[in-house]
Amino acid sequence: MAIFPPPQRVWWNEPVEKSEVFWVSIALIWALIMFFMMPYWHLTGEQNLSNEAYRTTPDAFGAKVEAMVDQYKVREEGDTGVPVVRPPAGSDVYMLARLWEWYPVLEFEKGETYRLHLSSMDWQHGFSLQPENINIQIHPNYDMVVTMTPTSTGEFGVVCNEFCGVGHHTMVGKIYVVDKK
């Protein structure tokens, strides 16, 4: 049996049992299937994001976010005073993550394409757009760029899905998608 030590020290010269050959063969065949399916899924799957990553600094990224907020702010969100920004279609849009908030709230037009830049000011965070299945890790010193075209209107929640500390459960943001005006 394979679960007990071999009686002889030169175990690699012992014959392999048929059950072991069977399970190793099954594992090898499955590994080959998955190996060849990954490129197929990458090329044909609609789940793949077109994303890019660039080096940045928190100060430089924060300045871009504030410049965008100053230029495209349309209102403030509730009692929190978080700005709601409505950038023009086709533009670069910036959203930053920091303990424990997403800033600012974004408003997109349905059917228009945007380049969404995401970066963290402090720790690693996770960008999860709900109820869509978009998940991206957000790191400090990296500008993660996602090209997206909203296909439905509504309010979408942005949730941090990487544990970032004691206030992690409160780290939520919003993206609104509205019809073209």
N, C-alpha and C. Protein backbone atom coordinates (compact mmCIF):
# COMPACT_ATOMS: atom_id res chain seq x y z
N MET A 1 0.83 -1.19 0.00
CA MET A 1 0.00 0.00 0.00
C MET A 1 0.87 1.25 0.00
N ALA A 2 0.37 2.29 -0.57
CA ALA A 2 1.14 3.51 -0.72
C ALA A 2 1.14 4.36 0.54
N ILE A 3 0.25 4.10 1.50
CA ILE A 3 0.21 4.96 2.68
C ILE A 3 1.22 4.55 3.74
N PHE A 4 1.81 3.38 3.60
CA PHE A 4 2.84 2.95 4.54
C PHE A 4 4.21 3.10 3.89
N PRO A 5 5.24 3.31 4.68
CA PRO A 5 6.57 3.43 4.09
C PRO A 5 6.98 2.12 3.39
N PRO A 6 7.71 2.24 2.30
CA PRO A 6 8.12 1.02 1.59
C PRO A 6 9.10 0.21 2.44
N PRO A 7 9.03 -1.10 2.30
CA PRO A 7 9.94 -1.94 3.09
C PRO A 7 11.40 -1.77 2.68
N GLN A 8 11.62 -1.41 1.44
CA GLN A 8 12.99 -1.20 0.97
C GLN A 8 13.25 0.30 0.85
N ARG A 9 14.47 0.73 1.09
CA ARG A 9 14.81 2.15 1.05
C ARG A 9 14.84 2.69 -0.38
N VAL A 10 15.07 1.87 -1.37
CA VAL A 10 15.12 2.32 -2.76
C VAL A 10 13.70 2.22 -3.33
N TRP A 11 12.85 3.13 -2.91
CA TRP A 11 11.43 3.06 -3.25
C TRP A 11 11.14 3.41 -4.70
N TRP A 12 12.00 4.17 -5.36
CA TRP A 12 11.71 4.60 -6.72
C TRP A 12 11.87 3.48 -7.73
N ASN A 13 12.43 2.36 -7.31
CA ASN A 13 12.52 1.20 -8.21
C ASN A 13 11.35 0.24 -8.04
N GLU A 14 10.47 0.50 -7.09
CA GLU A 14 9.32 -0.36 -6.85
C GLU A 14 8.28 -0.15 -7.96
N PRO A 15 7.53 -1.16 -8.34
CA PRO A 15 6.47 -0.97 -9.34
C PRO A 15 5.33 -0.12 -8.77
N VAL A 16 4.71 0.65 -9.65
CA VAL A 16 3.61 1.53 -9.26
C VAL A 16 2.31 0.73 -9.36
N GLU A 17 1.46 0.87 -8.36
CA GLU A 17 0.19 0.15 -8.36
C GLU A 17 -0.74 0.71 -9.43
N LYS A 18 -1.65 -0.13 -9.91
CA LYS A 18 -2.56 0.27 -10.99
C LYS A 18 -3.48 1.41 -10.56
N SER A 19 -3.92 1.41 -9.31
CA SER A 19 -4.82 2.48 -8.86
C SER A 19 -4.09 3.83 -8.86
N GLU A 20 -2.81 3.83 -8.52
CA GLU A 20 -2.04 5.08 -8.55
C GLU A 20 -1.85 5.57 -9.98
N VAL A 21 -1.56 4.66 -10.90
CA VAL A 21 -1.41 5.02 -12.31
C VAL A 21 -2.72 5.60 -12.83
N PHE A 22 -3.84 5.00 -12.44
CA PHE A 22 -5.16 5.49 -12.88
C PHE A 22 -5.38 6.94 -12.42
N TRP A 23 -5.18 7.22 -11.13
CA TRP A 23 -5.47 8.56 -10.61
C TRP A 23 -4.46 9.61 -11.10
N VAL A 24 -3.22 9.23 -11.25
CA VAL A 24 -2.23 10.15 -11.81
C VAL A 24 -2.59 10.46 -13.28
N SER A 25 -3.06 9.47 -14.01
CA SER A 25 -3.47 9.69 -15.40
C SER A 25 -4.67 10.62 -15.48
N ILE A 26 -5.65 10.40 -14.61
CA ILE A 26 -6.83 11.29 -14.58
C ILE A 26 -6.39 12.72 -14.28
N ALA A 27 -5.52 12.92 -13.30
CA ALA A 27 -5.05 14.26 -12.95
C ALA A 27 -4.29 14.89 -14.10
N LEU A 28 -3.47 14.13 -14.79
CA LEU A 28 -2.71 14.65 -15.93
C LEU A 28 -3.64 15.06 -17.07
N ILE A 29 -4.61 14.21 -17.38
CA ILE A 29 -5.56 14.53 -18.45
C ILE A 29 -6.34 15.80 -18.10
N TRP A 30 -6.81 15.91 -16.85
CA TRP A 30 -7.55 17.10 -16.44
C TRP A 30 -6.67 18.36 -16.50
N ALA A 31 -5.41 18.24 -16.09
CA ALA A 31 -4.49 19.38 -16.15
C ALA A 31 -4.28 19.82 -17.60
N LEU A 32 -4.18 18.88 -18.52
CA LEU A 32 -4.02 19.24 -19.94
C LEU A 32 -5.28 19.90 -20.49
N ILE A 33 -6.44 19.39 -20.11
CA ILE A 33 -7.69 20.02 -20.55
C ILE A 33 -7.75 21.46 -20.06
N MET A 34 -7.47 21.68 -18.78
CA MET A 34 -7.51 23.04 -18.24
C MET A 34 -6.45 23.94 -18.88
N PHE A 35 -5.28 23.38 -19.14
CA PHE A 35 -4.20 24.16 -19.76
C PHE A 35 -4.63 24.68 -21.12
N PHE A 36 -5.29 23.87 -21.92
CA PHE A 36 -5.71 24.31 -23.25
C PHE A 36 -7.01 25.11 -23.22
N MET A 37 -7.81 24.96 -22.17
CA MET A 37 -9.04 25.75 -22.08
C MET A 37 -8.77 27.19 -21.65
N MET A 38 -7.73 27.43 -20.88
CA MET A 38 -7.46 28.80 -20.40
C MET A 38 -7.26 29.78 -21.55
N PRO A 39 -6.43 29.49 -22.56
CA PRO A 39 -6.34 30.44 -23.69
C PRO A 39 -7.67 30.59 -24.42
N TYR A 40 -8.42 29.49 -24.55
CA TYR A 40 -9.72 29.56 -25.20
C TYR A 40 -10.65 30.50 -24.44
N TRP A 41 -10.74 30.34 -23.11
CA TRP A 41 -11.59 31.22 -22.30
C TRP A 41 -11.13 32.66 -22.39
N HIS A 42 -9.83 32.85 -22.42
CA HIS A 42 -9.30 34.22 -22.48
C HIS A 42 -9.70 34.90 -23.79
N LEU A 43 -9.64 34.16 -24.89
CA LEU A 43 -9.94 34.75 -26.19
C LEU A 43 -11.43 34.88 -26.47
N THR A 44 -12.24 33.96 -25.98
CA THR A 44 -13.66 33.98 -26.32
C THR A 44 -14.57 34.42 -25.19
N GLY A 45 -14.08 34.47 -23.97
CA GLY A 45 -14.93 34.78 -22.83
C GLY A 45 -15.25 36.26 -22.73
N GLU A 46 -16.48 36.57 -22.38
CA GLU A 46 -16.88 37.95 -22.17
C GLU A 46 -16.54 38.44 -20.77
N GLN A 47 -16.00 37.56 -19.93
CA GLN A 47 -15.68 37.91 -18.56
C GLN A 47 -14.34 38.64 -18.46
N ASN A 48 -13.57 38.66 -19.52
CA ASN A 48 -12.24 39.24 -19.45
C ASN A 48 -12.30 40.76 -19.58
N LEU A 49 -11.72 41.44 -18.62
CA LEU A 49 -11.66 42.89 -18.65
C LEU A 49 -10.48 43.33 -19.50
N SER A 50 -10.67 44.43 -20.20
CA SER A 50 -9.53 45.03 -20.89
C SER A 50 -8.92 46.02 -19.90
N ASN A 51 -7.86 45.60 -19.25
CA ASN A 51 -7.28 46.46 -18.23
C ASN A 51 -5.79 46.65 -18.44
N GLU A 52 -5.28 47.71 -17.87
CA GLU A 52 -3.88 48.07 -17.96
C GLU A 52 -3.42 48.47 -16.56
N ALA A 53 -2.11 48.51 -16.36
CA ALA A 53 -1.56 48.95 -15.08
C ALA A 53 -0.34 49.82 -15.33
N TYR A 54 -0.26 50.91 -14.57
CA TYR A 54 0.86 51.84 -14.68
C TYR A 54 1.35 52.19 -13.29
N ARG A 55 2.62 52.55 -13.18
CA ARG A 55 3.17 53.01 -11.91
C ARG A 55 2.73 54.45 -11.67
N THR A 56 2.44 54.75 -10.41
CA THR A 56 2.07 56.10 -10.01
C THR A 56 2.45 56.27 -8.55
N THR A 57 2.19 57.44 -8.03
CA THR A 57 2.36 57.68 -6.60
C THR A 57 1.02 58.12 -6.03
N PRO A 58 0.80 57.93 -4.75
CA PRO A 58 -0.48 58.39 -4.17
C PRO A 58 -0.70 59.90 -4.37
N ASP A 59 0.35 60.69 -4.25
CA ASP A 59 0.19 62.14 -4.44
C ASP A 59 -0.22 62.48 -5.86
N ALA A 60 0.44 61.87 -6.84
CA ALA A 60 0.12 62.16 -8.24
C ALA A 60 -1.29 61.70 -8.59
N PHE A 61 -1.67 60.51 -8.12
CA PHE A 61 -3.01 60.01 -8.41
C PHE A 61 -4.06 60.85 -7.71
N GLY A 62 -3.81 61.21 -6.45
CA GLY A 62 -4.75 62.06 -5.71
C GLY A 62 -4.97 63.40 -6.40
N ALA A 63 -3.91 63.96 -6.98
CA ALA A 63 -4.04 65.23 -7.69
C ALA A 63 -4.93 65.07 -8.93
N LYS A 64 -4.81 63.96 -9.63
CA LYS A 64 -5.67 63.72 -10.80
C LYS A 64 -7.13 63.57 -10.38
N VAL A 65 -7.36 62.88 -9.26
CA VAL A 65 -8.73 62.71 -8.77
C VAL A 65 -9.33 64.06 -8.42
N GLU A 66 -8.59 64.87 -7.68
CA GLU A 66 -9.11 66.19 -7.27
C GLU A 66 -9.35 67.10 -8.47
N ALA A 67 -8.47 67.05 -9.48
CA ALA A 67 -8.68 67.86 -10.69
C ALA A 67 -9.95 67.43 -11.41
N MET A 68 -10.21 66.12 -11.47
CA MET A 68 -11.43 65.64 -12.11
C MET A 68 -12.66 66.06 -11.31
N VAL A 69 -12.59 65.96 -9.97
CA VAL A 69 -13.72 66.36 -9.13
C VAL A 69 -14.01 67.85 -9.32
N ASP A 70 -12.97 68.68 -9.32
CA ASP A 70 -13.16 70.12 -9.50
C ASP A 70 -13.79 70.45 -10.84
N GLN A 71 -13.46 69.68 -11.87
CA GLN A 71 -13.95 69.98 -13.22
C GLN A 71 -15.35 69.44 -13.49
N TYR A 72 -15.69 68.26 -12.96
CA TYR A 72 -16.93 67.59 -13.37
C TYR A 72 -17.94 67.33 -12.25
N LYS A 73 -17.78 67.93 -11.10
CA LYS A 73 -18.71 67.72 -9.99
C LYS A 73 -20.09 68.26 -10.34
N VAL A 74 -21.12 67.43 -10.10
CA VAL A 74 -22.50 67.85 -10.38
C VAL A 74 -23.33 68.04 -9.13
N ARG A 75 -22.96 67.36 -8.03
CA ARG A 75 -23.69 67.50 -6.77
C ARG A 75 -22.91 66.77 -5.68
N GLU A 76 -23.47 66.81 -4.46
CA GLU A 76 -22.88 66.06 -3.36
C GLU A 76 -23.86 64.99 -2.91
N GLU A 77 -23.33 63.88 -2.43
CA GLU A 77 -24.12 62.72 -2.04
C GLU A 77 -24.54 62.81 -0.59
N GLY A 78 -25.83 62.96 -0.33
CA GLY A 78 -26.40 62.88 1.01
C GLY A 78 -25.72 63.71 2.08
N ASP A 79 -25.71 63.18 3.30
CA ASP A 79 -25.12 63.88 4.44
C ASP A 79 -23.61 63.82 4.45
N THR A 80 -23.04 62.88 3.72
CA THR A 80 -21.59 62.68 3.76
C THR A 80 -20.83 63.76 3.02
N GLY A 81 -21.46 64.39 2.05
CA GLY A 81 -20.80 65.43 1.27
C GLY A 81 -19.81 64.90 0.24
N VAL A 82 -19.87 63.60 -0.05
CA VAL A 82 -18.99 63.02 -1.07
C VAL A 82 -19.45 63.53 -2.43
N PRO A 83 -18.54 64.08 -3.24
CA PRO A 83 -18.95 64.62 -4.53
C PRO A 83 -19.38 63.54 -5.52
N VAL A 84 -20.38 63.87 -6.31
CA VAL A 84 -20.80 63.03 -7.42
C VAL A 84 -20.26 63.68 -8.68
N VAL A 85 -19.52 62.90 -9.45
CA VAL A 85 -18.82 63.42 -10.62
C VAL A 85 -19.41 62.79 -11.88
N ARG A 86 -19.69 63.63 -12.87
CA ARG A 86 -20.22 63.13 -14.15
C ARG A 86 -19.28 63.56 -15.27
N PRO A 87 -18.27 62.75 -15.55
CA PRO A 87 -17.33 63.10 -16.61
C PRO A 87 -17.93 62.87 -17.98
N PRO A 88 -17.39 63.53 -19.01
CA PRO A 88 -17.92 63.31 -20.36
C PRO A 88 -17.59 61.91 -20.87
N ALA A 89 -18.42 61.44 -21.78
CA ALA A 89 -18.22 60.11 -22.36
C ALA A 89 -16.86 60.04 -23.05
N GLY A 90 -16.22 58.89 -22.92
CA GLY A 90 -14.94 58.68 -23.56
C GLY A 90 -13.75 59.21 -22.80
N SER A 91 -13.98 59.76 -21.62
CA SER A 91 -12.88 60.39 -20.89
C SER A 91 -12.24 59.42 -19.90
N ASP A 92 -11.11 59.87 -19.36
CA ASP A 92 -10.44 59.15 -18.28
C ASP A 92 -11.10 59.57 -16.98
N VAL A 93 -11.50 58.57 -16.18
CA VAL A 93 -12.22 58.80 -14.93
C VAL A 93 -11.38 58.21 -13.80
N TYR A 94 -11.28 58.92 -12.69
CA TYR A 94 -10.41 58.50 -11.59
C TYR A 94 -11.23 58.24 -10.34
N MET A 95 -10.95 57.09 -9.70
CA MET A 95 -11.57 56.75 -8.43
C MET A 95 -10.48 56.18 -7.53
N LEU A 96 -10.43 56.71 -6.30
CA LEU A 96 -9.38 56.24 -5.41
C LEU A 96 -9.97 55.50 -4.23
N ALA A 97 -9.15 54.59 -3.70
CA ALA A 97 -9.51 53.82 -2.52
C ALA A 97 -8.60 54.26 -1.39
N ARG A 98 -9.20 54.48 -0.23
CA ARG A 98 -8.43 54.77 0.97
C ARG A 98 -9.23 54.30 2.16
N LEU A 99 -8.57 54.14 3.30
CA LEU A 99 -9.25 53.65 4.48
C LEU A 99 -10.42 54.56 4.82
N TRP A 100 -11.51 54.24 4.84
CA TRP A 100 -12.35 53.18 4.39
C TRP A 100 -13.42 53.77 3.50
N GLU A 101 -13.00 54.25 2.35
CA GLU A 101 -13.95 54.86 1.41
C GLU A 101 -13.47 54.73 -0.01
N TRP A 102 -14.44 54.81 -0.93
CA TRP A 102 -14.18 54.98 -2.35
C TRP A 102 -14.53 56.42 -2.67
N TYR A 103 -13.68 57.11 -3.40
CA TYR A 103 -13.87 58.54 -3.65
C TYR A 103 -13.55 58.84 -5.09
N PRO A 104 -14.37 59.58 -5.77
CA PRO A 104 -15.72 60.08 -5.50
C PRO A 104 -16.77 59.10 -5.98
N VAL A 105 -18.04 59.51 -5.89
CA VAL A 105 -19.14 58.76 -6.50
C VAL A 105 -19.14 59.14 -7.98
N LEU A 106 -19.30 58.16 -8.86
CA LEU A 106 -19.25 58.42 -10.30
C LEU A 106 -20.63 58.27 -10.92
N GLU A 107 -20.85 59.02 -12.00
CA GLU A 107 -22.09 58.92 -12.76
C GLU A 107 -21.73 58.78 -14.22
N PHE A 108 -22.10 57.64 -14.82
CA PHE A 108 -21.80 57.35 -16.22
C PHE A 108 -23.07 57.36 -17.03
N GLU A 109 -22.91 57.48 -18.37
CA GLU A 109 -24.04 57.37 -19.28
C GLU A 109 -24.07 55.97 -19.87
N LYS A 110 -25.25 55.41 -19.95
CA LYS A 110 -25.43 54.07 -20.52
C LYS A 110 -24.97 54.07 -21.98
N GLY A 111 -24.22 53.04 -22.34
CA GLY A 111 -23.78 52.89 -23.73
C GLY A 111 -22.53 53.65 -24.09
N GLU A 112 -22.00 54.45 -23.20
CA GLU A 112 -20.78 55.21 -23.47
C GLU A 112 -19.58 54.50 -22.85
N THR A 113 -18.43 54.68 -23.43
CA THR A 113 -17.21 54.03 -22.95
C THR A 113 -16.38 54.98 -22.10
N TYR A 114 -15.84 54.45 -21.02
CA TYR A 114 -15.01 55.22 -20.10
C TYR A 114 -13.75 54.42 -19.76
N ARG A 115 -12.69 55.13 -19.48
CA ARG A 115 -11.46 54.51 -18.95
C ARG A 115 -11.40 54.83 -17.47
N LEU A 116 -11.70 53.84 -16.65
CA LEU A 116 -11.75 54.01 -15.20
C LEU A 116 -10.39 53.70 -14.60
N HIS A 117 -9.77 54.72 -13.99
CA HIS A 117 -8.47 54.58 -13.32
C HIS A 117 -8.73 54.35 -11.83
N LEU A 118 -8.10 53.31 -11.28
CA LEU A 118 -8.27 52.98 -9.87
C LEU A 118 -6.90 52.86 -9.21
N SER A 119 -6.77 53.43 -8.02
CA SER A 119 -5.54 53.28 -7.26
C SER A 119 -5.85 53.43 -5.77
N SER A 120 -4.94 52.93 -4.96
CA SER A 120 -5.10 53.00 -3.51
C SER A 120 -4.15 54.05 -2.95
N MET A 121 -4.60 54.74 -1.94
CA MET A 121 -3.77 55.75 -1.30
C MET A 121 -2.98 55.17 -0.12
N ASP A 122 -3.34 53.95 0.33
CA ASP A 122 -2.70 53.45 1.55
C ASP A 122 -2.39 51.95 1.50
N TRP A 123 -3.40 51.08 1.46
CA TRP A 123 -3.21 49.64 1.53
C TRP A 123 -3.78 48.99 0.29
N GLN A 124 -3.63 47.69 0.23
CA GLN A 124 -4.28 46.95 -0.86
C GLN A 124 -5.77 46.89 -0.59
N HIS A 125 -6.54 47.18 -1.62
CA HIS A 125 -8.00 47.10 -1.55
C HIS A 125 -8.48 46.25 -2.72
N GLY A 126 -9.74 45.88 -2.70
CA GLY A 126 -10.34 45.13 -3.79
C GLY A 126 -11.53 45.89 -4.33
N PHE A 127 -11.55 46.12 -5.64
CA PHE A 127 -12.67 46.79 -6.30
C PHE A 127 -13.62 45.72 -6.80
N SER A 128 -14.81 45.68 -6.24
CA SER A 128 -15.83 44.73 -6.66
C SER A 128 -17.08 45.51 -7.00
N LEU A 129 -17.47 45.49 -8.27
CA LEU A 129 -18.64 46.22 -8.73
C LEU A 129 -19.84 45.28 -8.68
N GLN A 130 -20.82 45.64 -7.84
CA GLN A 130 -22.00 44.80 -7.61
C GLN A 130 -23.24 45.42 -8.23
N PRO A 131 -24.12 44.69 -8.88
CA PRO A 131 -24.20 43.24 -8.96
C PRO A 131 -23.43 42.66 -10.14
N GLU A 132 -22.63 43.45 -10.84
CA GLU A 132 -21.81 42.91 -11.92
C GLU A 132 -20.69 42.07 -11.32
N ASN A 133 -20.05 41.28 -12.13
CA ASN A 133 -18.97 40.43 -11.65
C ASN A 133 -17.63 41.01 -12.10
N ILE A 134 -17.30 42.19 -11.58
CA ILE A 134 -16.02 42.82 -11.89
C ILE A 134 -15.23 42.90 -10.59
N ASN A 135 -14.09 42.25 -10.55
CA ASN A 135 -13.24 42.23 -9.36
C ASN A 135 -11.81 42.52 -9.77
N ILE A 136 -11.21 43.52 -9.12
CA ILE A 136 -9.84 43.92 -9.42
C ILE A 136 -9.13 44.22 -8.12
N GLN A 137 -7.91 43.78 -7.98
CA GLN A 137 -7.11 44.16 -6.82
C GLN A 137 -6.51 45.54 -7.09
N ILE A 138 -6.61 46.40 -6.09
CA ILE A 138 -6.11 47.77 -6.20
C ILE A 138 -4.93 47.92 -5.25
N HIS A 139 -3.79 48.27 -5.79
CA HIS A 139 -2.57 48.38 -5.00
C HIS A 139 -2.10 49.83 -4.94
N PRO A 140 -1.45 50.22 -3.85
CA PRO A 140 -0.81 51.53 -3.82
C PRO A 140 0.31 51.57 -4.87
N ASN A 141 0.55 52.73 -5.41
CA ASN A 141 1.60 52.96 -6.40
C ASN A 141 1.33 52.35 -7.77
N TYR A 142 0.11 51.84 -7.98
CA TYR A 142 -0.27 51.33 -9.30
C TYR A 142 -1.60 51.94 -9.71
N ASP A 143 -1.66 52.38 -10.95
CA ASP A 143 -2.88 52.91 -11.55
C ASP A 143 -3.46 51.80 -12.41
N MET A 144 -4.55 51.18 -11.93
CA MET A 144 -5.22 50.12 -12.67
C MET A 144 -6.29 50.76 -13.55
N VAL A 145 -6.22 50.51 -14.84
CA VAL A 145 -7.14 51.14 -15.80
C VAL A 145 -8.04 50.06 -16.39
N VAL A 146 -9.34 50.30 -16.29
CA VAL A 146 -10.34 49.38 -16.83
C VAL A 146 -11.18 50.15 -17.83
N THR A 147 -11.28 49.63 -19.04
CA THR A 147 -12.16 50.24 -20.04
C THR A 147 -13.52 49.57 -19.90
N MET A 148 -14.55 50.39 -19.69
CA MET A 148 -15.88 49.82 -19.48
C MET A 148 -16.94 50.63 -20.23
N THR A 149 -17.97 49.91 -20.65
CA THR A 149 -19.13 50.49 -21.31
C THR A 149 -20.37 49.97 -20.60
N PRO A 150 -21.01 50.79 -19.75
CA PRO A 150 -22.20 50.33 -19.04
C PRO A 150 -23.33 49.96 -20.00
N THR A 151 -23.99 48.84 -19.75
CA THR A 151 -25.06 48.37 -20.63
C THR A 151 -26.44 48.46 -19.99
N SER A 152 -26.51 48.83 -18.71
CA SER A 152 -27.81 48.98 -18.05
C SER A 152 -27.73 50.13 -17.06
N THR A 153 -28.88 50.75 -16.83
CA THR A 153 -28.94 51.88 -15.92
C THR A 153 -29.16 51.38 -14.50
N GLY A 154 -28.89 52.26 -13.53
CA GLY A 154 -29.15 51.92 -12.14
C GLY A 154 -28.03 52.38 -11.23
N GLU A 155 -28.14 51.95 -9.99
CA GLU A 155 -27.14 52.25 -8.97
C GLU A 155 -26.33 50.99 -8.71
N PHE A 156 -25.02 51.10 -8.84
CA PHE A 156 -24.13 49.97 -8.67
C PHE A 156 -23.23 50.23 -7.47
N GLY A 157 -23.11 49.23 -6.63
CA GLY A 157 -22.28 49.37 -5.44
C GLY A 157 -20.84 48.97 -5.71
N VAL A 158 -19.92 49.73 -5.12
CA VAL A 158 -18.51 49.39 -5.17
C VAL A 158 -18.13 48.92 -3.77
N VAL A 159 -17.65 47.70 -3.68
CA VAL A 159 -17.34 47.08 -2.40
C VAL A 159 -15.85 46.72 -2.38
N CYS A 160 -15.23 46.91 -1.23
CA CYS A 160 -13.85 46.45 -1.06
C CYS A 160 -13.90 44.98 -0.68
N ASN A 161 -13.26 44.14 -1.50
CA ASN A 161 -13.30 42.71 -1.20
C ASN A 161 -11.94 42.16 -0.75
N GLU A 162 -11.04 43.04 -0.34
CA GLU A 162 -9.77 42.64 0.28
C GLU A 162 -9.77 43.24 1.68
N PHE A 163 -9.61 42.40 2.70
CA PHE A 163 -9.67 42.90 4.07
C PHE A 163 -8.61 43.98 4.27
N CYS A 164 -9.06 45.16 4.70
CA CYS A 164 -8.16 46.32 4.81
C CYS A 164 -8.17 46.94 6.20
N GLY A 165 -8.69 46.25 7.18
CA GLY A 165 -8.65 46.78 8.54
C GLY A 165 -10.01 46.78 9.20
N VAL A 166 -10.05 47.43 10.35
CA VAL A 166 -11.22 47.38 11.21
C VAL A 166 -12.47 48.00 10.56
N GLY A 167 -12.31 48.95 9.66
CA GLY A 167 -13.47 49.57 9.01
C GLY A 167 -13.76 49.00 7.63
N HIS A 168 -13.19 47.86 7.32
CA HIS A 168 -13.35 47.25 5.99
C HIS A 168 -14.82 47.09 5.60
N HIS A 169 -15.65 46.69 6.53
CA HIS A 169 -17.06 46.43 6.23
C HIS A 169 -17.83 47.70 5.86
N THR A 170 -17.27 48.87 6.14
CA THR A 170 -17.96 50.13 5.80
C THR A 170 -17.46 50.73 4.49
N MET A 171 -16.51 50.08 3.84
CA MET A 171 -15.90 50.64 2.63
C MET A 171 -16.75 50.32 1.41
N VAL A 172 -17.72 51.18 1.16
CA VAL A 172 -18.60 51.03 0.01
C VAL A 172 -18.64 52.34 -0.76
N GLY A 173 -18.81 52.24 -2.05
CA GLY A 173 -18.94 53.41 -2.91
C GLY A 173 -20.07 53.18 -3.90
N LYS A 174 -20.25 54.13 -4.82
CA LYS A 174 -21.35 54.02 -5.78
C LYS A 174 -20.90 54.46 -7.15
N ILE A 175 -21.51 53.83 -8.13
CA ILE A 175 -21.45 54.29 -9.52
C ILE A 175 -22.88 54.29 -10.03
N TYR A 176 -23.33 55.44 -10.51
CA TYR A 176 -24.65 55.56 -11.09
C TYR A 176 -24.51 55.47 -12.61
N VAL A 177 -25.43 54.78 -13.25
CA VAL A 177 -25.48 54.75 -14.70
C VAL A 177 -26.85 55.28 -15.11
N VAL A 178 -26.84 56.34 -15.93
CA VAL A 178 -28.07 57.00 -16.33
C VAL A 178 -28.21 56.95 -17.85
N ASP A 179 -29.43 57.18 -18.32
CA ASP A 179 -29.65 57.26 -19.77
C ASP A 179 -29.01 58.52 -20.32
N LYS A 180 -28.69 58.48 -21.60
CA LYS A 180 -28.08 59.65 -22.25
C LYS A 180 -29.05 60.82 -22.24
N LYS A 181 -28.49 62.00 -22.05
CA LYS A 181 -29.34 63.19 -22.03
C LYS A 181 -29.32 63.90 -23.35
